[in-house]
Amino acid sequence: MTNKTLNVQGMSCGHCVSSIEGSVGELNGVESVKVHLQDGKVDITFDGYKVDLKDITEAIEDQGYDVA
């Protein structure tokens, strides 16, 4: 498993948290997603053989947020 922390801009409320955790959590190979709203960070644990970081980043950006 790979652990990665992404800096995500544009998150401001509980809806942002559920939107990101829901969309990324549905990806095959993602074990866990934790949004830290105050810090603007998202911790992700995933299986790099099933999903890559590009797919995870796209899932976040598709929700309207910017991954820095």
C-alpha atoms as a PDB file:
ATOM      1  CA  MET A   1       0.000   0.000   0.000  1.00  0.00           C
ATOM      2  CA  THR A   2       1.082   3.542  -0.760  1.00  0.00           C
ATOM      3  CA  ASN A   3       0.391   6.495   1.544  1.00  0.00           C
ATOM      4  CA  LYS A   4       0.220   9.948  -0.015  1.00  0.00           C
ATOM      5  CA  THR A   5      -0.791  13.395   1.220  1.00  0.00           C
ATOM      6  CA  LEU A   6      -2.099  15.818  -1.387  1.00  0.00           C
ATOM      7  CA  ASN A   7      -2.492  19.581  -1.016  1.00  0.00           C
ATOM      8  CA  VAL A   8      -6.008  20.436  -2.190  1.00  0.00           C
ATOM      9  CA  GLN A   9      -7.253  23.986  -2.681  1.00  0.00           C
ATOM     10  CA  GLY A  10     -10.866  25.106  -2.608  1.00  0.00           C
ATOM     11  CA  MET A  11     -12.163  22.969   0.272  1.00  0.00           C
ATOM     12  CA  SER A  12     -14.210  24.975   2.759  1.00  0.00           C
ATOM     13  CA  CYS A  13     -17.008  22.928   4.321  1.00  0.00           C
ATOM     14  CA  GLY A  14     -18.406  19.535   5.263  1.00  0.00           C
ATOM     15  CA  HIS A  15     -19.809  19.063   1.770  1.00  0.00           C
ATOM     16  CA  CYS A  16     -16.277  19.372   0.395  1.00  0.00           C
ATOM     17  CA  VAL A  17     -15.124  16.643   2.771  1.00  0.00           C
ATOM     18  CA  SER A  18     -17.890  14.215   1.822  1.00  0.00           C
ATOM     19  CA  SER A  19     -17.549  15.009  -1.868  1.00  0.00           C
ATOM     20  CA  ILE A  20     -13.832  14.190  -1.946  1.00  0.00           C
ATOM     21  CA  GLU A  21     -13.948  11.253   0.456  1.00  0.00           C
ATOM     22  CA  GLY A  22     -16.889   9.793  -1.476  1.00  0.00           C
ATOM     23  CA  SER A  23     -15.482  10.144  -4.988  1.00  0.00           C
ATOM     24  CA  VAL A  24     -11.937   9.024  -4.158  1.00  0.00           C
ATOM     25  CA  GLY A  25     -13.160   6.280  -1.813  1.00  0.00           C
ATOM     26  CA  GLU A  26     -15.134   4.692  -4.661  1.00  0.00           C
ATOM     27  CA  LEU A  27     -12.016   4.143  -6.783  1.00  0.00           C
ATOM     28  CA  ASN A  28     -10.899   0.522  -6.998  1.00  0.00           C
ATOM     29  CA  GLY A  29      -7.694   0.146  -5.013  1.00  0.00           C
ATOM     30  CA  VAL A  30      -8.242   3.039  -2.586  1.00  0.00           C
ATOM     31  CA  GLU A  31      -8.126   1.743   0.973  1.00  0.00           C
ATOM     32  CA  SER A  32      -8.731   4.995   2.870  1.00  0.00           C
ATOM     33  CA  VAL A  33      -9.257   8.712   2.335  1.00  0.00           C
ATOM     34  CA  LYS A  34      -9.114  11.349   5.072  1.00  0.00           C
ATOM     35  CA  VAL A  35      -9.702  15.046   4.375  1.00  0.00           C
ATOM     36  CA  HIS A  36      -8.096  17.576   6.735  1.00  0.00           C
ATOM     37  CA  LEU A  37     -10.201  20.629   5.972  1.00  0.00           C
ATOM     38  CA  GLN A  38      -8.269  23.123   8.140  1.00  0.00           C
ATOM     39  CA  ASP A  39      -4.901  22.124   6.623  1.00  0.00           C
ATOM     40  CA  GLY A  40      -6.114  21.811   3.018  1.00  0.00           C
ATOM     41  CA  LYS A  41      -4.717  18.282   2.837  1.00  0.00           C
ATOM     42  CA  VAL A  42      -6.042  14.868   1.854  1.00  0.00           C
ATOM     43  CA  ASP A  43      -4.403  11.668   3.128  1.00  0.00           C
ATOM     44  CA  ILE A  44      -4.879   8.666   0.863  1.00  0.00           C
ATOM     45  CA  THR A  45      -3.844   5.031   1.240  1.00  0.00           C
ATOM     46  CA  PHE A  46      -4.062   3.075  -2.006  1.00  0.00           C
ATOM     47  CA  ASP A  47      -2.799   0.049  -3.912  1.00  0.00           C
ATOM     48  CA  GLY A  48      -0.589   1.392  -6.697  1.00  0.00           C
ATOM     49  CA  TYR A  49      -1.167  -1.783  -8.725  1.00  0.00           C
ATOM     50  CA  LYS A  50      -4.923  -1.079  -8.938  1.00  0.00           C
ATOM     51  CA  VAL A  51      -5.091   2.724  -9.111  1.00  0.00           C
ATOM     52  CA  ASP A  52      -2.515   5.408  -9.763  1.00  0.00           C
ATOM     53  CA  LEU A  53      -2.116   8.888  -8.357  1.00  0.00           C
ATOM     54  CA  LYS A  54      -3.264  10.452 -11.635  1.00  0.00           C
ATOM     55  CA  ASP A  55      -6.687   8.759 -11.289  1.00  0.00           C
ATOM     56  CA  ILE A  56      -6.991   9.948  -7.690  1.00  0.00           C
ATOM     57  CA  THR A  57      -6.025  13.505  -8.635  1.00  0.00           C
ATOM     58  CA  GLU A  58      -8.555  13.504 -11.482  1.00  0.00           C
ATOM     59  CA  ALA A  59     -11.315  12.285  -9.144  1.00  0.00           C
ATOM     60  CA  ILE A  60     -10.614  15.232  -6.823  1.00  0.00           C
ATOM     61  CA  GLU A  61     -10.381  17.750  -9.663  1.00  0.00           C
ATOM     62  CA  ASP A  62     -13.629  16.418 -11.176  1.00  0.00           C
ATOM     63  CA  GLN A  63     -15.322  17.516  -7.945  1.00  0.00           C
ATOM     64  CA  GLY A  64     -14.145  21.096  -8.591  1.00  0.00           C
ATOM     65  CA  TYR A  65     -11.016  21.298  -6.415  1.00  0.00           C
ATOM     66  CA  ASP A  66      -7.411  22.027  -7.345  1.00  0.00           C
ATOM     67  CA  VAL A  67      -4.636  19.609  -6.431  1.00  0.00           C
ATOM     68  CA  ALA A  68      -1.382  21.508  -5.930  1.00  0.00           C
END
